[in-house]
Amino acid sequence: MLESVIHSPMNMKHYAKTEDVFQLAANFAERLMKNHPFQDRNKRTALVAADMFLKINGYTLLNGPFANDPNNKALANAHVAVVTNQWTAQQLGDYYKSLAVPIGPLTAQILEYKGSAIEY
């Protein structure tokens, strides 16, 4: 199930010709949540994974992965909406786009992740 999740954004990019990184991140998060590859914490993992995906592409969603701030609570609620089929992945991608903040110069850590990524 996890391998399917990892390949989903790449398939979306190549076969559906989607270039919008927010939609690709939302697809990644949706698949991670709905395929449920882990026994627990799939929504939280999806949130951190989507944030890292966007960081590699020059944006951030989170001030701190599990910080107690309104932005993180709203993102968690958006993920619950996707899992309960109240939102689509398209809506989640639009929401990511509305919240994302461009990051300045990429940190050494992000550059390392970006360099080791197969596709981004």
N, C-alpha and C. Protein backbone atom coordinates (compact mmCIF):
# COMPACT_ATOMS: atom_id res chain seq x y z
N MET A 1 0.82 -1.20 0.00
CA MET A 1 0.00 0.00 0.00
C MET A 1 0.87 1.27 0.00
N LEU A 2 1.96 1.24 0.73
CA LEU A 2 2.82 2.42 0.81
C LEU A 2 3.51 2.69 -0.53
N GLU A 3 3.93 1.64 -1.20
CA GLU A 3 4.58 1.82 -2.50
C GLU A 3 3.62 2.46 -3.50
N SER A 4 2.37 2.07 -3.45
CA SER A 4 1.35 2.67 -4.31
C SER A 4 1.21 4.16 -4.02
N VAL A 5 1.25 4.51 -2.75
CA VAL A 5 1.15 5.91 -2.34
C VAL A 5 2.31 6.72 -2.93
N ILE A 6 3.50 6.18 -2.82
CA ILE A 6 4.69 6.90 -3.26
C ILE A 6 4.66 7.17 -4.76
N HIS A 7 4.13 6.23 -5.52
CA HIS A 7 4.11 6.38 -6.98
C HIS A 7 2.94 7.21 -7.49
N SER A 8 1.94 7.43 -6.67
CA SER A 8 0.73 8.12 -7.13
C SER A 8 0.99 9.53 -7.68
N PRO A 9 1.73 10.41 -6.97
CA PRO A 9 1.97 11.74 -7.55
C PRO A 9 2.78 11.70 -8.84
N MET A 10 3.70 10.75 -8.94
CA MET A 10 4.49 10.63 -10.17
C MET A 10 3.59 10.21 -11.33
N ASN A 11 2.68 9.27 -11.06
CA ASN A 11 1.74 8.85 -12.10
C ASN A 11 0.83 10.00 -12.51
N MET A 12 0.37 10.75 -11.52
CA MET A 12 -0.50 11.90 -11.80
C MET A 12 0.24 12.93 -12.66
N LYS A 13 1.50 13.14 -12.35
CA LYS A 13 2.29 14.11 -13.11
C LYS A 13 2.50 13.65 -14.55
N HIS A 14 2.82 12.40 -14.72
CA HIS A 14 3.17 11.92 -16.06
C HIS A 14 1.96 11.55 -16.92
N TYR A 15 0.95 10.95 -16.32
CA TYR A 15 -0.18 10.47 -17.12
C TYR A 15 -1.32 11.47 -17.19
N ALA A 16 -1.57 12.19 -16.09
CA ALA A 16 -2.62 13.21 -16.10
C ALA A 16 -2.06 14.59 -16.46
N LYS A 17 -0.73 14.66 -16.62
CA LYS A 17 -0.05 15.91 -16.99
C LYS A 17 -0.29 17.03 -15.99
N THR A 18 -0.38 16.68 -14.71
CA THR A 18 -0.58 17.66 -13.65
C THR A 18 0.78 18.18 -13.20
N GLU A 19 0.97 19.49 -13.30
CA GLU A 19 2.23 20.11 -12.89
C GLU A 19 2.10 20.89 -11.58
N ASP A 20 0.88 21.10 -11.12
CA ASP A 20 0.62 21.89 -9.91
C ASP A 20 1.11 21.11 -8.68
N VAL A 21 2.16 21.61 -8.04
CA VAL A 21 2.75 20.90 -6.90
C VAL A 21 1.76 20.76 -5.74
N PHE A 22 0.81 21.67 -5.63
CA PHE A 22 -0.18 21.58 -4.55
C PHE A 22 -1.14 20.43 -4.80
N GLN A 23 -1.52 20.23 -6.06
CA GLN A 23 -2.39 19.10 -6.39
C GLN A 23 -1.64 17.78 -6.26
N LEU A 24 -0.37 17.78 -6.61
CA LEU A 24 0.44 16.57 -6.45
C LEU A 24 0.60 16.23 -4.97
N ALA A 25 0.84 17.25 -4.14
CA ALA A 25 0.97 17.02 -2.70
C ALA A 25 -0.35 16.53 -2.11
N ALA A 26 -1.46 17.08 -2.57
CA ALA A 26 -2.77 16.65 -2.08
C ALA A 26 -3.08 15.22 -2.50
N ASN A 27 -2.70 14.87 -3.72
CA ASN A 27 -2.88 13.50 -4.18
C ASN A 27 -2.07 12.54 -3.30
N PHE A 28 -0.84 12.93 -3.01
CA PHE A 28 0.04 12.13 -2.16
C PHE A 28 -0.59 11.94 -0.78
N ALA A 29 -1.07 13.05 -0.20
CA ALA A 29 -1.67 12.99 1.14
C ALA A 29 -2.95 12.15 1.13
N GLU A 30 -3.80 12.36 0.11
CA GLU A 30 -5.05 11.60 0.05
C GLU A 30 -4.77 10.10 -0.04
N ARG A 31 -3.87 9.72 -0.88
CA ARG A 31 -3.55 8.30 -1.04
C ARG A 31 -2.97 7.72 0.26
N LEU A 32 -2.15 8.51 0.92
CA LEU A 32 -1.56 8.04 2.17
C LEU A 32 -2.64 7.83 3.23
N MET A 33 -3.59 8.74 3.28
CA MET A 33 -4.66 8.62 4.27
C MET A 33 -5.63 7.49 3.93
N LYS A 34 -6.01 7.39 2.67
CA LYS A 34 -7.04 6.43 2.29
C LYS A 34 -6.50 5.01 2.09
N ASN A 35 -5.27 4.86 1.66
CA ASN A 35 -4.69 3.52 1.55
C ASN A 35 -4.38 2.93 2.91
N HIS A 36 -4.23 3.80 3.89
CA HIS A 36 -4.04 3.41 5.29
C HIS A 36 -2.92 2.38 5.45
N PRO A 37 -1.69 2.74 5.01
CA PRO A 37 -0.60 1.76 5.07
C PRO A 37 -0.08 1.49 6.49
N PHE A 38 -0.38 2.37 7.42
CA PHE A 38 0.09 2.19 8.79
C PHE A 38 -1.11 1.88 9.69
N GLN A 39 -0.85 1.25 10.80
CA GLN A 39 -1.93 0.91 11.72
C GLN A 39 -2.56 2.16 12.31
N ASP A 40 -1.75 3.19 12.53
CA ASP A 40 -2.23 4.40 13.19
C ASP A 40 -1.45 5.60 12.66
N ARG A 41 -2.00 6.80 12.83
CA ARG A 41 -1.33 8.06 12.51
C ARG A 41 -1.17 8.32 11.01
N ASN A 42 -2.05 7.79 10.19
CA ASN A 42 -1.96 8.00 8.74
C ASN A 42 -2.22 9.45 8.35
N LYS A 43 -3.19 10.10 9.00
CA LYS A 43 -3.48 11.51 8.66
C LYS A 43 -2.32 12.41 9.07
N ARG A 44 -1.74 12.18 10.22
CA ARG A 44 -0.59 12.98 10.65
C ARG A 44 0.61 12.75 9.75
N THR A 45 0.84 11.51 9.40
CA THR A 45 1.93 11.19 8.49
C THR A 45 1.70 11.87 7.15
N ALA A 46 0.46 11.87 6.67
CA ALA A 46 0.13 12.51 5.40
C ALA A 46 0.40 14.01 5.46
N LEU A 47 0.10 14.63 6.57
CA LEU A 47 0.32 16.06 6.72
C LEU A 47 1.82 16.39 6.67
N VAL A 48 2.61 15.65 7.41
CA VAL A 48 4.06 15.88 7.42
C VAL A 48 4.65 15.55 6.04
N ALA A 49 4.17 14.48 5.42
CA ALA A 49 4.68 14.09 4.10
C ALA A 49 4.34 15.15 3.05
N ALA A 50 3.11 15.67 3.08
CA ALA A 50 2.72 16.72 2.13
C ALA A 50 3.55 17.97 2.36
N ASP A 51 3.80 18.30 3.61
CA ASP A 51 4.62 19.48 3.91
C ASP A 51 6.04 19.29 3.39
N MET A 52 6.61 18.10 3.56
CA MET A 52 7.96 17.85 3.06
C MET A 52 7.98 17.88 1.53
N PHE A 53 6.97 17.31 0.91
CA PHE A 53 6.85 17.34 -0.55
C PHE A 53 6.86 18.79 -1.03
N LEU A 54 6.08 19.63 -0.36
CA LEU A 54 6.02 21.04 -0.76
C LEU A 54 7.32 21.77 -0.43
N LYS A 55 7.97 21.42 0.66
CA LYS A 55 9.25 22.06 1.00
C LYS A 55 10.28 21.78 -0.08
N ILE A 56 10.32 20.55 -0.56
CA ILE A 56 11.25 20.20 -1.63
C ILE A 56 10.97 21.06 -2.86
N ASN A 57 9.72 21.48 -3.00
CA ASN A 57 9.31 22.29 -4.15
C ASN A 57 9.20 23.78 -3.82
N GLY A 58 9.75 24.20 -2.65
CA GLY A 58 9.86 25.62 -2.35
C GLY A 58 8.75 26.25 -1.53
N TYR A 59 7.88 25.44 -0.91
CA TYR A 59 6.78 25.98 -0.10
C TYR A 59 6.72 25.24 1.23
N THR A 60 6.04 25.86 2.18
CA THR A 60 5.81 25.19 3.46
C THR A 60 4.37 25.41 3.90
N LEU A 61 3.84 24.42 4.60
CA LEU A 61 2.49 24.52 5.17
C LEU A 61 2.54 24.72 6.68
N LEU A 62 3.53 24.12 7.32
CA LEU A 62 3.56 24.04 8.78
C LEU A 62 4.64 24.91 9.38
N ASN A 63 4.31 25.57 10.48
CA ASN A 63 5.33 26.29 11.24
C ASN A 63 6.18 25.29 12.01
N GLY A 64 5.55 24.30 12.54
CA GLY A 64 6.19 23.18 13.23
C GLY A 64 5.26 22.01 13.06
N PRO A 65 5.75 20.82 12.75
CA PRO A 65 4.86 19.72 12.39
C PRO A 65 3.70 19.47 13.35
N PHE A 66 3.94 19.52 14.63
CA PHE A 66 2.85 19.24 15.56
C PHE A 66 2.64 20.38 16.54
N ALA A 67 3.01 21.59 16.10
CA ALA A 67 2.81 22.77 16.94
C ALA A 67 1.33 22.99 17.16
N ASN A 68 1.00 23.51 18.30
CA ASN A 68 -0.40 23.77 18.64
C ASN A 68 -0.75 25.18 18.14
N ASP A 69 -1.02 25.29 16.85
CA ASP A 69 -1.43 26.58 16.32
C ASP A 69 -2.65 26.38 15.41
N PRO A 70 -3.40 27.46 15.17
CA PRO A 70 -4.64 27.34 14.40
C PRO A 70 -4.44 26.80 12.98
N ASN A 71 -3.31 27.12 12.36
CA ASN A 71 -3.03 26.64 11.01
C ASN A 71 -2.95 25.11 10.99
N ASN A 72 -2.24 24.54 11.95
CA ASN A 72 -2.11 23.08 12.00
C ASN A 72 -3.45 22.42 12.29
N LYS A 73 -4.25 23.02 13.16
CA LYS A 73 -5.57 22.46 13.48
C LYS A 73 -6.45 22.48 12.23
N ALA A 74 -6.41 23.56 11.46
CA ALA A 74 -7.21 23.66 10.24
C ALA A 74 -6.75 22.63 9.21
N LEU A 75 -5.45 22.42 9.09
CA LEU A 75 -4.93 21.41 8.18
C LEU A 75 -5.38 20.00 8.61
N ALA A 76 -5.33 19.74 9.91
CA ALA A 76 -5.78 18.45 10.41
C ALA A 76 -7.26 18.24 10.09
N ASN A 77 -8.06 19.30 10.26
CA ASN A 77 -9.49 19.20 9.94
C ASN A 77 -9.72 18.98 8.45
N ALA A 78 -8.89 19.60 7.62
CA ALA A 78 -9.00 19.40 6.17
C ALA A 78 -8.69 17.94 5.82
N HIS A 79 -7.73 17.35 6.48
CA HIS A 79 -7.41 15.95 6.22
C HIS A 79 -8.55 15.04 6.66
N VAL A 80 -9.18 15.35 7.76
CA VAL A 80 -10.34 14.58 8.20
C VAL A 80 -11.46 14.71 7.16
N ALA A 81 -11.64 15.89 6.61
CA ALA A 81 -12.67 16.09 5.58
C ALA A 81 -12.40 15.24 4.35
N VAL A 82 -11.15 15.06 3.99
CA VAL A 82 -10.81 14.21 2.84
C VAL A 82 -11.11 12.75 3.16
N VAL A 83 -10.71 12.30 4.33
CA VAL A 83 -10.91 10.90 4.71
C VAL A 83 -12.40 10.57 4.80
N THR A 84 -13.21 11.52 5.21
CA THR A 84 -14.65 11.28 5.35
C THR A 84 -15.42 11.65 4.09
N ASN A 85 -14.68 11.88 3.00
CA ASN A 85 -15.27 12.18 1.68
C ASN A 85 -16.11 13.46 1.64
N GLN A 86 -15.82 14.39 2.55
CA GLN A 86 -16.46 15.70 2.51
C GLN A 86 -15.71 16.62 1.56
N TRP A 87 -14.41 16.34 1.36
CA TRP A 87 -13.56 17.09 0.44
C TRP A 87 -12.92 16.11 -0.53
N THR A 88 -12.59 16.62 -1.70
CA THR A 88 -11.84 15.85 -2.68
C THR A 88 -10.36 16.21 -2.54
N ALA A 89 -9.52 15.46 -3.21
CA ALA A 89 -8.09 15.80 -3.23
C ALA A 89 -7.89 17.14 -3.92
N GLN A 90 -8.71 17.45 -4.91
CA GLN A 90 -8.64 18.74 -5.60
C GLN A 90 -8.87 19.89 -4.60
N GLN A 91 -9.88 19.74 -3.77
CA GLN A 91 -10.16 20.77 -2.76
C GLN A 91 -9.01 20.88 -1.77
N LEU A 92 -8.44 19.75 -1.40
CA LEU A 92 -7.30 19.77 -0.48
C LEU A 92 -6.12 20.50 -1.11
N GLY A 93 -5.86 20.23 -2.38
CA GLY A 93 -4.78 20.93 -3.08
C GLY A 93 -5.01 22.43 -3.14
N ASP A 94 -6.26 22.83 -3.40
CA ASP A 94 -6.60 24.25 -3.40
C ASP A 94 -6.38 24.86 -2.02
N TYR A 95 -6.72 24.10 -0.98
CA TYR A 95 -6.52 24.57 0.39
C TYR A 95 -5.03 24.70 0.70
N TYR A 96 -4.25 23.71 0.30
CA TYR A 96 -2.80 23.81 0.48
C TYR A 96 -2.28 25.08 -0.18
N LYS A 97 -2.73 25.32 -1.39
CA LYS A 97 -2.26 26.50 -2.14
C LYS A 97 -2.60 27.79 -1.40
N SER A 98 -3.78 27.83 -0.77
CA SER A 98 -4.21 29.04 -0.06
C SER A 98 -3.39 29.29 1.21
N LEU A 99 -2.82 28.23 1.78
CA LEU A 99 -2.07 28.36 3.03
C LEU A 99 -0.55 28.38 2.85
N ALA A 100 -0.08 27.84 1.77
CA ALA A 100 1.36 27.67 1.57
C ALA A 100 2.10 29.00 1.55
N VAL A 101 3.27 28.96 2.10
CA VAL A 101 4.14 30.12 2.14
C VAL A 101 5.43 29.75 1.41
N PRO A 102 5.83 30.57 0.45
CA PRO A 102 7.11 30.28 -0.21
C PRO A 102 8.24 30.37 0.81
N ILE A 103 9.16 29.45 0.72
CA ILE A 103 10.30 29.52 1.63
C ILE A 103 11.43 30.22 0.91
N GLY A 104 12.18 30.95 1.68
CA GLY A 104 13.30 31.70 1.11
C GLY A 104 14.36 30.75 0.60
N PRO A 105 15.57 31.08 0.80
CA PRO A 105 16.62 30.17 0.34
C PRO A 105 16.41 28.78 0.97
N LEU A 106 16.54 27.75 0.15
CA LEU A 106 16.37 26.39 0.65
C LEU A 106 17.50 26.06 1.61
N THR A 107 17.13 25.43 2.71
CA THR A 107 18.14 25.03 3.69
C THR A 107 18.96 23.88 3.15
N ALA A 108 20.08 23.64 3.77
CA ALA A 108 20.95 22.53 3.36
C ALA A 108 20.20 21.20 3.46
N GLN A 109 19.39 21.06 4.48
CA GLN A 109 18.63 19.82 4.67
C GLN A 109 17.63 19.63 3.53
N ILE A 110 16.91 20.68 3.16
CA ILE A 110 15.93 20.57 2.07
C ILE A 110 16.65 20.31 0.74
N LEU A 111 17.77 20.96 0.52
CA LEU A 111 18.54 20.71 -0.70
C LEU A 111 19.02 19.25 -0.76
N GLU A 112 19.37 18.71 0.40
CA GLU A 112 19.78 17.30 0.44
C GLU A 112 18.60 16.40 0.07
N TYR A 113 17.42 16.67 0.64
CA TYR A 113 16.22 15.89 0.30
C TYR A 113 15.89 16.02 -1.18
N LYS A 114 15.96 17.23 -1.67
CA LYS A 114 15.65 17.48 -3.07
C LYS A 114 16.62 16.75 -3.99
N GLY A 115 17.89 16.75 -3.63
CA GLY A 115 18.89 16.07 -4.43
C GLY A 115 18.72 14.56 -4.43
N SER A 116 18.18 14.02 -3.36
CA SER A 116 18.01 12.56 -3.29
C SER A 116 16.64 12.11 -3.79
N ALA A 117 15.75 13.04 -4.08
CA ALA A 117 14.43 12.68 -4.57
C ALA A 117 14.53 12.17 -6.01
N ILE A 118 13.77 11.14 -6.30
CA ILE A 118 13.74 10.60 -7.66
C ILE A 118 13.05 11.59 -8.58
N GLU A 119 11.90 12.08 -8.16
CA GLU A 119 11.17 13.10 -8.89
C GLU A 119 10.52 14.01 -7.87
N TYR A 120 10.33 15.26 -8.23
CA TYR A 120 9.69 16.20 -7.32
C TYR A 120 8.96 17.24 -8.10
